[in-house]
């Protein structure tokens, strides 16, 4: 396939494969793919951020491979395209 045959849609829909997420060091990944790997539960999360699990228990994210809500997990989506982010816009 030649570069001029690749459409913009193909580039936008590209996601990292599980083998890429597991084999590539996080410092060598692009920011978007690193976030995608974390959301899919294929890369460990870092930091001291915590979230409440359903049921009320608070869990720290650092060092754990936990899926985001978009991929069947329980961690809320705070990205720019999520509903919770649009509620927080300044008026």
Protein backbone atom coordinates (compact mmCIF):
# COMPACT_ATOMS: atom_id res chain seq x y z
CA UNK A 1 0.00 0.00 0.00
CA UNK A 2 1.32 3.43 -0.94
CA UNK A 3 1.16 6.42 1.38
CA UNK A 4 -1.27 8.28 -0.89
CA UNK A 5 -3.70 5.32 -0.63
CA UNK A 6 -4.03 5.67 3.14
CA UNK A 7 -6.98 7.84 4.05
CA UNK A 8 -7.32 10.11 7.07
CA UNK A 9 -9.93 7.76 8.50
CA UNK A 10 -7.45 4.86 8.52
CA UNK A 11 -4.97 6.96 10.46
CA UNK A 12 -7.59 8.08 13.02
CA UNK A 13 -8.83 4.56 13.64
CA UNK A 14 -5.36 3.10 14.18
CA UNK A 15 -4.95 1.67 17.66
CA UNK A 16 -1.99 -0.05 19.26
CA UNK A 17 -1.98 -3.84 19.24
CA UNK A 18 -1.70 -5.78 22.50
CA UNK A 19 1.79 -6.93 21.53
CA UNK A 20 2.88 -3.30 20.92
CA UNK A 21 1.54 -2.26 24.33
CA UNK A 22 3.32 -5.07 26.14
CA UNK A 23 6.66 -4.96 24.29
CA UNK A 24 7.26 -1.22 23.79
CA UNK A 25 8.65 0.77 26.76
CA UNK A 26 6.29 3.59 27.80
CA UNK A 27 8.94 6.27 27.23
CA UNK A 28 9.15 5.22 23.55
CA UNK A 29 5.36 5.29 22.92
CA UNK A 30 3.50 8.31 21.60
CA UNK A 31 1.21 10.01 24.13
CA UNK A 32 -2.01 8.92 22.43
CA UNK A 33 -0.96 5.28 22.11
CA UNK A 34 0.28 5.23 25.72
CA UNK A 35 -3.12 6.48 26.89
CA UNK A 36 -4.86 3.91 24.70
CA UNK A 37 -2.73 1.07 26.10
CA UNK A 38 -3.58 2.17 29.65
CA UNK A 39 -7.30 2.42 28.85
CA UNK A 40 -7.29 -1.08 27.33
CA UNK A 41 -5.67 -2.41 30.51
CA UNK A 42 -2.51 -3.46 28.65
CA UNK A 43 -0.09 -1.02 30.32
CA UNK A 44 0.31 -0.18 33.98
CA UNK A 45 -0.94 3.17 35.21
CA UNK A 46 1.30 5.54 37.15
CA UNK A 47 0.75 8.27 39.70
CA UNK A 48 -1.15 8.55 42.96
CA UNK A 49 -4.57 9.29 41.45
CA UNK A 50 -7.39 7.34 43.09
CA UNK A 51 -10.97 6.60 42.07
CA UNK A 52 -13.95 5.18 43.91
CA UNK A 53 -14.87 1.69 42.80
CA UNK A 54 -18.53 0.79 42.47
CA UNK A 55 -19.43 -0.04 46.04
CA UNK A 56 -17.54 2.88 47.55
CA UNK A 57 -13.99 1.58 48.09
CA UNK A 58 -11.26 4.03 46.94
CA UNK A 59 -8.41 2.52 44.89
CA UNK A 60 -5.07 4.13 43.93
CA UNK A 61 -4.27 3.67 40.23
CA UNK A 62 -0.46 3.64 40.36
CA UNK A 63 1.16 0.36 39.29
CA UNK A 64 -2.08 -1.35 38.27
CA UNK A 65 -3.36 -2.48 34.87
CA UNK A 66 -7.02 -1.42 35.03
CA UNK A 67 -9.33 -0.95 32.05
CA UNK A 68 -11.07 2.35 31.39
CA UNK A 69 -14.87 2.55 31.05
CA UNK A 70 -14.67 2.66 27.23
CA UNK A 71 -13.07 -0.80 27.28
CA UNK A 72 -15.32 -2.46 29.87
CA UNK A 73 -13.63 -1.25 33.06
CA UNK A 74 -14.90 0.90 35.90
CA UNK A 75 -12.55 3.91 35.71
CA UNK A 76 -14.44 7.05 34.57
CA UNK A 77 -13.63 8.80 31.29
CA UNK A 78 -12.36 12.36 31.75
CA UNK A 79 -11.13 12.94 28.19
CA UNK A 80 -12.15 15.94 26.09
CA UNK A 81 -14.78 13.89 24.25
CA UNK A 82 -16.49 12.44 27.31
CA UNK A 83 -19.81 13.61 28.73
CA UNK A 84 -18.31 14.38 32.16
CA UNK A 85 -15.72 16.70 30.56
CA UNK A 86 -18.38 18.62 28.64
CA UNK A 87 -20.27 19.31 31.88
CA UNK A 88 -17.18 21.00 33.33
CA UNK A 89 -16.80 23.62 30.56
CA UNK A 90 -16.56 27.19 31.75
CA UNK A 91 -19.39 29.52 30.80
